[in-house]
Amino acid sequence: MNLPTGNVELGTRIRSLRQDQGKKLAAVARQAAVSLQYLSEVERGLKSPSLQVLSRIAGALGVTAVELLSGVAPYDGPGAGRSVARDQP
């Protein structure tokens, strides 16, 4: 299974921060108001959290969403690179 690179990198970063702080998966999930299963899937790169959820996870880890995303590869999943048509004024 090919997972989007950014998802895997973000998940690895979240897991590393959590483990470096000695926090349990369940504690961070509870603080971020997400299920244990969902946070586990994010850490494994299987789920891509919304910005709102990412912000809550970051808060539970004592960092900002920007800090979590720093150095993470851009989205490379389905539809990546497609331009969005916009109305010209």
Protein backbone atom coordinates (compact mmCIF):
# COMPACT_ATOMS: atom_id res chain seq x y z
CA MET A 1 0.00 0.00 0.00
CA ASN A 2 1.40 3.41 -0.98
CA LEU A 3 0.74 6.05 1.64
CA PRO A 4 1.13 9.76 0.92
CA THR A 5 4.64 10.76 2.03
CA GLY A 6 3.41 13.76 4.00
CA ASN A 7 1.04 11.60 6.06
CA VAL A 8 3.81 9.21 7.05
CA GLU A 9 6.24 12.03 7.88
CA LEU A 10 3.63 13.89 9.94
CA GLY A 11 2.67 10.72 11.80
CA THR A 12 6.31 9.91 12.52
CA ARG A 13 6.85 13.45 13.80
CA ILE A 14 3.81 13.25 16.10
CA ARG A 15 4.88 9.86 17.45
CA SER A 16 8.46 11.03 18.04
CA LEU A 17 7.34 14.14 19.91
CA ARG A 18 4.91 12.11 22.01
CA GLN A 19 7.50 9.47 22.90
CA ASP A 20 10.21 12.07 23.58
CA GLN A 21 7.83 13.65 26.11
CA GLY A 22 7.10 10.27 27.67
CA LYS A 23 3.38 10.62 26.93
CA LYS A 24 1.11 7.65 26.32
CA LEU A 25 -0.98 7.47 23.15
CA ALA A 26 -4.17 7.37 25.23
CA ALA A 27 -3.25 10.52 27.16
CA VAL A 28 -2.53 12.55 24.03
CA ALA A 29 -5.69 11.25 22.34
CA ARG A 30 -7.75 12.25 25.37
CA GLN A 31 -6.18 15.74 25.53
CA ALA A 32 -6.70 16.22 21.78
CA ALA A 33 -10.31 14.96 21.99
CA VAL A 34 -9.77 12.22 19.38
CA SER A 35 -10.11 8.48 19.69
CA LEU A 36 -7.09 6.37 20.54
CA GLN A 37 -7.59 4.44 17.29
CA TYR A 38 -7.71 7.64 15.22
CA LEU A 39 -4.50 9.04 16.75
CA SER A 40 -2.79 5.70 16.20
CA GLU A 41 -3.84 5.78 12.53
CA VAL A 42 -2.51 9.35 12.20
CA GLU A 43 0.82 8.29 13.72
CA ARG A 44 1.04 5.40 11.24
CA GLY A 45 0.26 7.68 8.30
CA LEU A 46 -3.08 6.01 7.58
CA LYS A 47 -5.20 9.10 8.31
CA SER A 48 -4.68 12.74 7.43
CA PRO A 49 -6.06 14.95 10.21
CA SER A 50 -7.97 18.16 9.51
CA LEU A 51 -6.26 21.39 10.50
CA GLN A 52 -8.58 21.65 13.51
CA VAL A 53 -7.65 18.16 14.73
CA LEU A 54 -3.97 18.75 13.97
CA SER A 55 -4.11 21.90 16.09
CA ARG A 56 -5.61 19.93 19.00
CA ILE A 57 -2.95 17.21 18.69
CA ALA A 58 -0.26 19.89 18.60
CA GLY A 59 -1.72 21.52 21.70
CA ALA A 60 -1.70 18.19 23.53
CA LEU A 61 2.01 17.93 22.68
CA GLY A 62 2.76 21.52 23.71
CA VAL A 63 3.67 22.72 20.20
CA THR A 64 1.92 24.61 17.42
CA ALA A 65 0.45 23.07 14.26
CA VAL A 66 3.09 25.01 12.30
CA GLU A 67 5.84 23.32 14.33
CA LEU A 68 4.30 19.92 13.63
CA LEU A 69 4.13 20.62 9.90
CA SER A 70 7.63 22.08 9.69
CA GLY A 71 9.69 19.92 7.34
CA VAL A 72 6.78 17.67 6.35
CA ALA A 73 6.57 17.00 2.60
CA PRO A 74 3.66 18.58 0.74
CA TYR A 75 0.60 16.47 -0.02
CA ASP A 76 1.38 13.97 -2.75
CA GLY A 77 -1.78 11.87 -2.80
CA PRO A 78 -4.58 11.70 -5.36
CA GLY A 79 -5.15 15.00 -7.08
CA ALA A 80 -1.82 16.48 -6.00
CA GLY A 81 -0.54 19.04 -8.45
CA ARG A 82 -3.93 19.72 -10.01
CA SER A 83 -4.72 23.37 -10.31
CA VAL A 84 -8.05 24.69 -9.17
CA ALA A 85 -9.95 26.74 -11.73
CA ARG A 86 -10.94 30.12 -10.37
CA ASP A 87 -13.13 32.79 -11.83
CA GLN A 88 -11.22 35.78 -13.07
CA PRO A 89 -12.62 39.17 -12.01
